Amino acid sequence: ALYVMSHLLNLKAMTFIMRNILQFGALALLVVFQ
């Protein structure tokens, strides 16, 4: 939700950070939900 909001409000720095967090989210999920 924070990523979508940042994208809609054109918050470039926040959008860049959230995009990178979500890109590595799949690997993080495998570790967290092991």
PDB file of all heavy atoms in Angstrom:
ATOM      1  N   ALA A   1       0.833  -1.209   0.000  1.00  0.00           N
ATOM      2  CA  ALA A   1       0.000   0.000   0.000  1.00  0.00           C
ATOM      3  C   ALA A   1       0.862   1.252   0.000  1.00  0.00           C
ATOM      4  O   ALA A   1       0.556   2.249  -0.686  1.00  0.00           O
ATOM      5  CB  ALA A   1      -0.931  -0.016   1.214  1.00  0.00           C
ATOM      6  N   LEU A   2       1.976   1.211   0.745  1.00  0.00           N
ATOM      7  CA  LEU A   2       2.877   2.354   0.790  1.00  0.00           C
ATOM      8  C   LEU A   2       3.535   2.592  -0.574  1.00  0.00           C
ATOM      9  O   LEU A   2       3.707   3.747  -1.008  1.00  0.00           O
ATOM     10  CB  LEU A   2       3.952   2.127   1.856  1.00  0.00           C
ATOM     11  CG  LEU A   2       4.945   3.261   2.107  1.00  0.00           C
ATOM     12  CD1 LEU A   2       4.214   4.533   2.525  1.00  0.00           C
ATOM     13  CD2 LEU A   2       5.960   2.851   3.169  1.00  0.00           C
ATOM     14  N   TYR A   3       3.881   1.505  -1.261  1.00  0.00           N
ATOM     15  CA  TYR A   3       4.466   1.630  -2.612  1.00  0.00           C
ATOM     16  C   TYR A   3       3.471   2.246  -3.587  1.00  0.00           C
ATOM     17  O   TYR A   3       3.820   3.149  -4.366  1.00  0.00           O
ATOM     18  CB  TYR A   3       4.926   0.261  -3.106  1.00  0.00           C
ATOM     19  CG  TYR A   3       5.313   0.251  -4.561  1.00  0.00           C
ATOM     20  CD1 TYR A   3       6.497   0.841  -4.981  1.00  0.00           C
ATOM     21  CD2 TYR A   3       4.476  -0.327  -5.518  1.00  0.00           C
ATOM     22  CE1 TYR A   3       6.853   0.847  -6.323  1.00  0.00           C
ATOM     23  CE2 TYR A   3       4.820  -0.328  -6.853  1.00  0.00           C
ATOM     24  CZ  TYR A   3       6.013   0.262  -7.251  1.00  0.00           C
ATOM     25  OH  TYR A   3       6.349   0.279  -8.579  1.00  0.00           O
ATOM     26  N   VAL A   4       2.229   1.799  -3.557  1.00  0.00           N
ATOM     27  CA  VAL A   4       1.201   2.331  -4.460  1.00  0.00           C
ATOM     28  C   VAL A   4       0.965   3.813  -4.182  1.00  0.00           C
ATOM     29  O   VAL A   4       0.863   4.632  -5.101  1.00  0.00           O
ATOM     30  CB  VAL A   4      -0.102   1.523  -4.304  1.00  0.00           C
ATOM     31  CG1 VAL A   4      -1.236   2.183  -5.096  1.00  0.00           C
ATOM     32  CG2 VAL A   4       0.102   0.092  -4.772  1.00  0.00           C
ATOM     33  N   MET A   5       0.903   4.169  -2.898  1.00  0.00           N
ATOM     34  CA  MET A   5       0.682   5.557  -2.530  1.00  0.00           C
ATOM     35  C   MET A   5       1.853   6.433  -2.986  1.00  0.00           C
ATOM     36  O   MET A   5       1.652   7.542  -3.505  1.00  0.00           O
ATOM     37  CB  MET A   5       0.504   5.678  -1.008  1.00  0.00           C
ATOM     38  CG  MET A   5       0.106   7.072  -0.522  1.00  0.00           C
ATOM     39  SD  MET A   5      -0.020   7.131   1.273  1.00  0.00           S
ATOM     40  CE  MET A   5      -1.295   5.913   1.546  1.00  0.00           C
ATOM     41  N   SER A   6       3.079   5.948  -2.819  1.00  0.00           N
ATOM     42  CA  SER A   6       4.255   6.706  -3.240  1.00  0.00           C
ATOM     43  C   SER A   6       4.261   6.917  -4.753  1.00  0.00           C
ATOM     44  O   SER A   6       4.627   7.992  -5.245  1.00  0.00           O
ATOM     45  CB  SER A   6       5.527   5.975  -2.816  1.00  0.00           C
ATOM     46  OG  SER A   6       5.551   5.786  -1.421  1.00  0.00           O
ATOM     47  N   HIS A   7       3.839   5.870  -5.476  1.00  0.00           N
ATOM     48  CA  HIS A   7       3.793   5.981  -6.934  1.00  0.00           C
ATOM     49  C   HIS A   7       2.725   6.977  -7.385  1.00  0.00           C
ATOM     50  O   HIS A   7       2.960   7.782  -8.304  1.00  0.00           O
ATOM     51  CB  HIS A   7       3.524   4.606  -7.542  1.00  0.00           C
ATOM     52  CG  HIS A   7       3.515   4.596  -9.036  1.00  0.00           C
ATOM     53  ND1 HIS A   7       4.667   4.729  -9.789  1.00  0.00           N
ATOM     54  CD2 HIS A   7       2.489   4.477  -9.935  1.00  0.00           C
ATOM     55  CE1 HIS A   7       4.362   4.698 -11.069  1.00  0.00           C
ATOM     56  NE2 HIS A   7       3.039   4.550 -11.186  1.00  0.00           N
ATOM     57  N   LEU A   8       1.578   6.948  -6.752  1.00  0.00           N
ATOM     58  CA  LEU A   8       0.497   7.870  -7.130  1.00  0.00           C
ATOM     59  C   LEU A   8       0.843   9.318  -6.809  1.00  0.00           C
ATOM     60  O   LEU A   8       0.482  10.239  -7.548  1.00  0.00           O
ATOM     61  CB  LEU A   8      -0.800   7.467  -6.421  1.00  0.00           C
ATOM     62  CG  LEU A   8      -1.425   6.137  -6.854  1.00  0.00           C
ATOM     63  CD1 LEU A   8      -2.630   5.806  -6.000  1.00  0.00           C
ATOM     64  CD2 LEU A   8      -1.802   6.169  -8.328  1.00  0.00           C
ATOM     65  N   LEU A   9       1.566   9.530  -5.693  1.00  0.00           N
ATOM     66  CA  LEU A   9       1.944  10.888  -5.290  1.00  0.00           C
ATOM     67  C   LEU A   9       3.257  11.330  -5.934  1.00  0.00           C
ATOM     68  O   LEU A   9       3.756  12.421  -5.627  1.00  0.00           O
ATOM     69  CB  LEU A   9       2.057  10.970  -3.766  1.00  0.00           C
ATOM     70  CG  LEU A   9       0.758  10.722  -2.981  1.00  0.00           C
ATOM     71  CD1 LEU A   9       1.018  10.720  -1.491  1.00  0.00           C
ATOM     72  CD2 LEU A   9      -0.302  11.767  -3.346  1.00  0.00           C
ATOM     73  N   ASN A  10       3.837  10.471  -6.779  1.00  0.00           N
ATOM     74  CA  ASN A  10       5.075  10.802  -7.489  1.00  0.00           C
ATOM     75  C   ASN A  10       6.226  11.105  -6.518  1.00  0.00           C
ATOM     76  O   ASN A  10       7.017  12.018  -6.734  1.00  0.00           O
ATOM     77  CB  ASN A  10       4.857  11.978  -8.444  1.00  0.00           C
ATOM     78  CG  ASN A  10       5.947  12.058  -9.501  1.00  0.00           C
ATOM     79  OD1 ASN A  10       6.597  11.051  -9.826  1.00  0.00           O
ATOM     80  ND2 ASN A  10       6.184  13.251 -10.030  1.00  0.00           N
ATOM     81  N   LEU A  11       6.310  10.301  -5.443  1.00  0.00           N
ATOM     82  CA  LEU A  11       7.424  10.419  -4.495  1.00  0.00           C
ATOM     83  C   LEU A  11       8.538   9.503  -4.996  1.00  0.00           C
ATOM     84  O   LEU A  11       8.555   8.301  -4.724  1.00  0.00           O
ATOM     85  CB  LEU A  11       6.967  10.022  -3.089  1.00  0.00           C
ATOM     86  CG  LEU A  11       5.770  10.812  -2.518  1.00  0.00           C
ATOM     87  CD1 LEU A  11       5.382  10.270  -1.157  1.00  0.00           C
ATOM     88  CD2 LEU A  11       6.099  12.306  -2.435  1.00  0.00           C
ATOM     89  N   LYS A  12       9.473  10.070  -5.745  1.00  0.00           N
ATOM     90  CA  LYS A  12      10.453   9.263  -6.471  1.00  0.00           C
ATOM     91  C   LYS A  12      11.382   8.480  -5.546  1.00  0.00           C
ATOM     92  O   LYS A  12      11.666   7.310  -5.790  1.00  0.00           O
ATOM     93  CB  LYS A  12      11.262  10.166  -7.395  1.00  0.00           C
ATOM     94  CG  LYS A  12      10.415  10.811  -8.495  1.00  0.00           C
ATOM     95  CD  LYS A  12      11.270  11.667  -9.417  1.00  0.00           C
ATOM     96  CE  LYS A  12      10.413  12.298 -10.526  1.00  0.00           C
ATOM     97  NZ  LYS A  12      11.217  13.150 -11.427  1.00  0.00           N
ATOM     98  N   ALA A  13      11.882   9.138  -4.516  1.00  0.00           N
ATOM     99  CA  ALA A  13      12.809   8.451  -3.611  1.00  0.00           C
ATOM    100  C   ALA A  13      12.120   7.299  -2.898  1.00  0.00           C
ATOM    101  O   ALA A  13      12.652   6.177  -2.828  1.00  0.00           O
ATOM    102  CB  ALA A  13      13.381   9.444  -2.592  1.00  0.00           C
ATOM    103  N   MET A  14      10.915   7.556  -2.369  1.00  0.00           N
ATOM    104  CA  MET A  14      10.177   6.506  -1.656  1.00  0.00           C
ATOM    105  C   MET A  14       9.781   5.383  -2.609  1.00  0.00           C
ATOM    106  O   MET A  14       9.841   4.191  -2.254  1.00  0.00           O
ATOM    107  CB  MET A  14       8.936   7.107  -0.999  1.00  0.00           C
ATOM    108  CG  MET A  14       8.106   6.108  -0.192  1.00  0.00           C
ATOM    109  SD  MET A  14       9.058   5.354   1.156  1.00  0.00           S
ATOM    110  CE  MET A  14       9.205   6.755   2.276  1.00  0.00           C
ATOM    111  N   THR A  15       9.384   5.741  -3.828  1.00  0.00           N
ATOM    112  CA  THR A  15       9.014   4.725  -4.821  1.00  0.00           C
ATOM    113  C   THR A  15      10.204   3.832  -5.153  1.00  0.00           C
ATOM    114  O   THR A  15      10.070   2.607  -5.264  1.00  0.00           O
ATOM    115  CB  THR A  15       8.486   5.391  -6.100  1.00  0.00           C
ATOM    116  OG1 THR A  15       7.379   6.237  -5.774  1.00  0.00           O
ATOM    117  CG2 THR A  15       8.057   4.355  -7.121  1.00  0.00           C
ATOM    118  N   PHE A  16      11.383   4.431  -5.292  1.00  0.00           N
ATOM    119  CA  PHE A  16      12.601   3.663  -5.597  1.00  0.00           C
ATOM    120  C   PHE A  16      12.920   2.694  -4.454  1.00  0.00           C
ATOM    121  O   PHE A  16      13.241   1.515  -4.686  1.00  0.00           O
ATOM    122  CB  PHE A  16      13.773   4.629  -5.814  1.00  0.00           C
ATOM    123  CG  PHE A  16      15.099   3.945  -5.963  1.00  0.00           C
ATOM    124  CD1 PHE A  16      15.456   3.344  -7.162  1.00  0.00           C
ATOM    125  CD2 PHE A  16      15.990   3.883  -4.892  1.00  0.00           C
ATOM    126  CE1 PHE A  16      16.684   2.700  -7.294  1.00  0.00           C
ATOM    127  CE2 PHE A  16      17.204   3.258  -5.016  1.00  0.00           C
ATOM    128  CZ  PHE A  16      17.556   2.658  -6.224  1.00  0.00           C
ATOM    129  N   ILE A  17      12.819   3.176  -3.223  1.00  0.00           N
ATOM    130  CA  ILE A  17      13.122   2.323  -2.061  1.00  0.00           C
ATOM    131  C   ILE A  17      12.132   1.168  -1.973  1.00  0.00           C
ATOM    132  O   ILE A  17      12.523  -0.001  -1.791  1.00  0.00           O
ATOM    133  CB  ILE A  17      13.104   3.162  -0.767  1.00  0.00           C
ATOM    134  CG1 ILE A  17      14.261   4.164  -0.771  1.00  0.00           C
ATOM    135  CG2 ILE A  17      13.198   2.257   0.459  1.00  0.00           C
ATOM    136  CD1 ILE A  17      14.204   5.166   0.369  1.00  0.00           C
ATOM    137  N   MET A  18      10.835   1.472  -2.090  1.00  0.00           N
ATOM    138  CA  MET A  18       9.817   0.432  -1.956  1.00  0.00           C
ATOM    139  C   MET A  18       9.894  -0.579  -3.087  1.00  0.00           C
ATOM    140  O   MET A  18       9.667  -1.773  -2.881  1.00  0.00           O
ATOM    141  CB  MET A  18       8.424   1.072  -1.916  1.00  0.00           C
ATOM    142  CG  MET A  18       8.178   1.988  -0.725  1.00  0.00           C
ATOM    143  SD  MET A  18       8.591   1.199   0.858  1.00  0.00           S
ATOM    144  CE  MET A  18       7.525  -0.224   0.809  1.00  0.00           C
ATOM    145  N   ARG A  19      10.232  -0.112  -4.310  1.00  0.00           N
ATOM    146  CA  ARG A  19      10.355  -1.033  -5.439  1.00  0.00           C
ATOM    147  C   ARG A  19      11.460  -2.050  -5.186  1.00  0.00           C
ATOM    148  O   ARG A  19      11.302  -3.242  -5.459  1.00  0.00           O
ATOM    149  CB  ARG A  19      10.627  -0.258  -6.728  1.00  0.00           C
ATOM    150  CG  ARG A  19      10.631  -1.162  -7.977  1.00  0.00           C
ATOM    151  CD  ARG A  19      11.051  -0.416  -9.234  1.00  0.00           C
ATOM    152  NE  ARG A  19      10.116   0.661  -9.534  1.00  0.00           N
ATOM    153  CZ  ARG A  19      10.432   1.951  -9.548  1.00  0.00           C
ATOM    154  NH1 ARG A  19      11.681   2.323  -9.239  1.00  0.00           N
ATOM    155  NH2 ARG A  19       9.546   2.865  -9.856  1.00  0.00           N
ATOM    156  N   ASN A  20      12.598  -1.575  -4.679  1.00  0.00           N
ATOM    157  CA  ASN A  20      13.716  -2.489  -4.400  1.00  0.00           C
ATOM    158  C   ASN A  20      13.400  -3.436  -3.258  1.00  0.00           C
ATOM    159  O   ASN A  20      13.818  -4.601  -3.273  1.00  0.00           O
ATOM    160  CB  ASN A  20      14.979  -1.681  -4.093  1.00  0.00           C
ATOM    161  CG  ASN A  20      15.628  -1.105  -5.338  1.00  0.00           C
ATOM    162  OD1 ASN A  20      16.402  -1.767  -6.016  1.00  0.00           O
ATOM    163  ND2 ASN A  20      15.277   0.140  -5.662  1.00  0.00           N
ATOM    164  N   ILE A  21      12.670  -2.948  -2.256  1.00  0.00           N
ATOM    165  CA  ILE A  21      12.280  -3.825  -1.146  1.00  0.00           C
ATOM    166  C   ILE A  21      11.381  -4.948  -1.646  1.00  0.00           C
ATOM    167  O   ILE A  21      11.566  -6.128  -1.303  1.00  0.00           O
ATOM    168  CB  ILE A  21      11.578  -3.011  -0.042  1.00  0.00           C
ATOM    169  CG1 ILE A  21      12.581  -2.098   0.668  1.00  0.00           C
ATOM    170  CG2 ILE A  21      10.908  -3.940   0.973  1.00  0.00           C
ATOM    171  CD1 ILE A  21      11.952  -1.164   1.689  1.00  0.00           C
ATOM    172  N   LEU A  22      10.414  -4.614  -2.493  1.00  0.00           N
ATOM    173  CA  LEU A  22       9.475  -5.609  -2.988  1.00  0.00           C
ATOM    174  C   LEU A  22      10.128  -6.580  -3.973  1.00  0.00           C
ATOM    175  O   LEU A  22       9.705  -7.730  -4.090  1.00  0.00           O
ATOM    176  CB  LEU A  22       8.279  -4.913  -3.645  1.00  0.00           C
ATOM    177  CG  LEU A  22       7.379  -4.114  -2.689  1.00  0.00           C
ATOM    178  CD1 LEU A  22       6.302  -3.368  -3.461  1.00  0.00           C
ATOM    179  CD2 LEU A  22       6.748  -5.035  -1.656  1.00  0.00           C
ATOM    180  N   GLN A  23      11.158  -6.104  -4.696  1.00  0.00           N
ATOM    181  CA  GLN A  23      11.849  -6.992  -5.633  1.00  0.00           C
ATOM    182  C   GLN A  23      12.541  -8.145  -4.914  1.00  0.00           C
ATOM    183  O   GLN A  23      12.592  -9.274  -5.418  1.00  0.00           O
ATOM    184  CB  GLN A  23      12.870  -6.195  -6.447  1.00  0.00           C
ATOM    185  CG  GLN A  23      12.255  -5.373  -7.578  1.00  0.00           C
ATOM    186  CD  GLN A  23      13.293  -4.570  -8.338  1.00  0.00           C
ATOM    187  OE1 GLN A  23      14.454  -4.506  -7.930  1.00  0.00           O
ATOM    188  NE2 GLN A  23      12.878  -3.956  -9.450  1.00  0.00           N
ATOM    189  N   PHE A  24      13.094  -7.865  -3.743  1.00  0.00           N
ATOM    190  CA  PHE A  24      13.757  -8.915  -2.960  1.00  0.00           C
ATOM    191  C   PHE A  24      12.807  -9.541  -1.940  1.00  0.00           C
ATOM    192  O   PHE A  24      13.230 -10.321  -1.094  1.00  0.00           O
ATOM    193  CB  PHE A  24      14.976  -8.338  -2.229  1.00  0.00           C
ATOM    194  CG  PHE A  24      16.064  -7.881  -3.168  1.00  0.00           C
ATOM    195  CD1 PHE A  24      16.212  -6.538  -3.484  1.00  0.00           C
ATOM    196  CD2 PHE A  24      16.930  -8.802  -3.731  1.00  0.00           C
ATOM    197  CE1 PHE A  24      17.215  -6.114  -4.347  1.00  0.00           C
ATOM    198  CE2 PHE A  24      17.931  -8.387  -4.596  1.00  0.00           C
ATOM    199  CZ  PHE A  24      18.082  -7.041  -4.911  1.00  0.00           C
ATOM    200  N   GLY A  25      11.527  -9.188  -2.046  1.00  0.00           N
ATOM    201  CA  GLY A  25      10.552  -9.697  -1.076  1.00  0.00           C
ATOM    202  C   GLY A  25      10.342 -11.188  -1.158  1.00  0.00           C
ATOM    203  O   GLY A  25      10.127 -11.846  -0.139  1.00  0.00           O
ATOM    204  N   ALA A  26      10.412 -11.760  -2.380  1.00  0.00           N
ATOM    205  CA  ALA A  26      10.177 -13.200  -2.529  1.00  0.00           C
ATOM    206  C   ALA A  26      11.223 -14.011  -1.763  1.00  0.00           C
ATOM    207  O   ALA A  26      10.896 -14.982  -1.071  1.00  0.00           O
ATOM    208  CB  ALA A  26      10.198 -13.570  -4.011  1.00  0.00           C
ATOM    209  N   LEU A  27      12.492 -13.594  -1.883  1.00  0.00           N
ATOM    210  CA  LEU A  27      13.555 -14.294  -1.160  1.00  0.00           C
ATOM    211  C   LEU A  27      13.384 -14.118   0.343  1.00  0.00           C
ATOM    212  O   LEU A  27      13.581 -15.062   1.122  1.00  0.00           O
ATOM    213  CB  LEU A  27      14.923 -13.757  -1.601  1.00  0.00           C
ATOM    214  CG  LEU A  27      16.152 -14.398  -0.948  1.00  0.00           C
ATOM    215  CD1 LEU A  27      16.185 -15.895  -1.245  1.00  0.00           C
ATOM    216  CD2 LEU A  27      17.427 -13.725  -1.439  1.00  0.00           C
ATOM    217  N   ALA A  28      13.003 -12.912   0.756  1.00  0.00           N
ATOM    218  CA  ALA A  28      12.788 -12.660   2.185  1.00  0.00           C
ATOM    219  C   ALA A  28      11.644 -13.509   2.725  1.00  0.00           C
ATOM    220  O   ALA A  28      11.703 -14.012   3.851  1.00  0.00           O
ATOM    221  CB  ALA A  28      12.514 -11.174   2.416  1.00  0.00           C
ATOM    222  N   LEU A  29      10.593 -13.694   1.906  1.00  0.00           N
ATOM    223  CA  LEU A  29       9.457 -14.503   2.340  1.00  0.00           C
ATOM    224  C   LEU A  29       9.861 -15.952   2.583  1.00  0.00           C
ATOM    225  O   LEU A  29       9.393 -16.592   3.527  1.00  0.00           O
ATOM    226  CB  LEU A  29       8.343 -14.442   1.291  1.00  0.00           C
ATOM    227  CG  LEU A  29       7.532 -13.149   1.221  1.00  0.00           C
ATOM    228  CD1 LEU A  29       6.524 -13.228   0.088  1.00  0.00           C
ATOM    229  CD2 LEU A  29       6.823 -12.880   2.533  1.00  0.00           C
ATOM    230  N   LEU A  30      10.732 -16.489   1.721  1.00  0.00           N
ATOM    231  CA  LEU A  30      11.189 -17.860   1.907  1.00  0.00           C
ATOM    232  C   LEU A  30      11.928 -18.031   3.228  1.00  0.00           C
ATOM    233  O   LEU A  30      11.832 -19.073   3.879  1.00  0.00           O
ATOM    234  CB  LEU A  30      12.099 -18.274   0.741  1.00  0.00           C
ATOM    235  CG  LEU A  30      11.426 -18.428  -0.621  1.00  0.00           C
ATOM    236  CD1 LEU A  30      12.457 -18.742  -1.689  1.00  0.00           C
ATOM    237  CD2 LEU A  30      10.368 -19.513  -0.574  1.00  0.00           C
ATOM    238  N   VAL A  31      12.668 -17.002   3.630  1.00  0.00           N
ATOM    239  CA  VAL A  31      13.414 -17.065   4.884  1.00  0.00           C
ATOM    240  C   VAL A  31      12.482 -16.894   6.079  1.00  0.00           C
ATOM    241  O   VAL A  31      12.526 -17.661   7.044  1.00  0.00           O
ATOM    242  CB  VAL A  31      14.521 -15.990   4.905  1.00  0.00           C
ATOM    243  CG1 VAL A  31      15.241 -15.989   6.252  1.00  0.00           C
ATOM    244  CG2 VAL A  31      15.509 -16.226   3.773  1.00  0.00           C
ATOM    245  N   VAL A  32      11.612 -15.894   5.989  1.00  0.00           N
ATOM    246  CA  VAL A  32      10.740 -15.567   7.116  1.00  0.00           C
ATOM    247  C   VAL A  32       9.694 -16.653   7.351  1.00  0.00           C
ATOM    248  O   VAL A  32       9.410 -17.026   8.487  1.00  0.00           O
ATOM    249  CB  VAL A  32      10.058 -14.201   6.891  1.00  0.00           C
ATOM    250  CG1 VAL A  32       9.033 -13.922   7.977  1.00  0.00           C
ATOM    251  CG2 VAL A  32      11.093 -13.087   6.876  1.00  0.00           C
ATOM    252  N   PHE A  33       9.128 -17.181   6.261  1.00  0.00           N
ATOM    253  CA  PHE A  33       8.053 -18.160   6.377  1.00  0.00           C
ATOM    254  C   PHE A  33       8.566 -19.597   6.312  1.00  0.00           C
ATOM    255  O   PHE A  33       7.777 -20.514   6.083  1.00  0.00           O
ATOM    256  CB  PHE A  33       7.027 -17.955   5.258  1.00  0.00           C
ATOM    257  CG  PHE A  33       6.177 -16.737   5.439  1.00  0.00           C
ATOM    258  CD1 PHE A  33       6.481 -15.569   4.769  1.00  0.00           C
ATOM    259  CD2 PHE A  33       5.081 -16.744   6.279  1.00  0.00           C
ATOM    260  CE1 PHE A  33       5.696 -14.440   4.918  1.00  0.00           C
ATOM    261  CE2 PHE A  33       4.301 -15.630   6.438  1.00  0.00           C
ATOM    262  CZ  PHE A  33       4.606 -14.460   5.757  1.00  0.00           C
ATOM    263  N   GLN A  34       9.853 -19.809   6.525  1.00  0.00           N
ATOM    264  CA  GLN A  34      10.412 -21.148   6.398  1.00  0.00           C
ATOM    265  C   GLN A  34       9.714 -22.192   7.283  1.00  0.00           C
ATOM    266  O   GLN A  34       9.365 -23.279   6.798  1.00  0.00           O
ATOM    267  CB  GLN A  34      11.920 -21.107   6.695  1.00  0.00           C
ATOM    268  CG  GLN A  34      12.652 -22.407   6.426  1.00  0.00           C
ATOM    269  CD  GLN A  34      12.702 -23.314   7.636  1.00  0.00           C
ATOM    270  OE1 GLN A  34      12.580 -22.853   8.769  1.00  0.00           O
ATOM    271  NE2 GLN A  34      12.868 -24.604   7.410  1.00  0.00           N
TER     272      GLN A  34
END
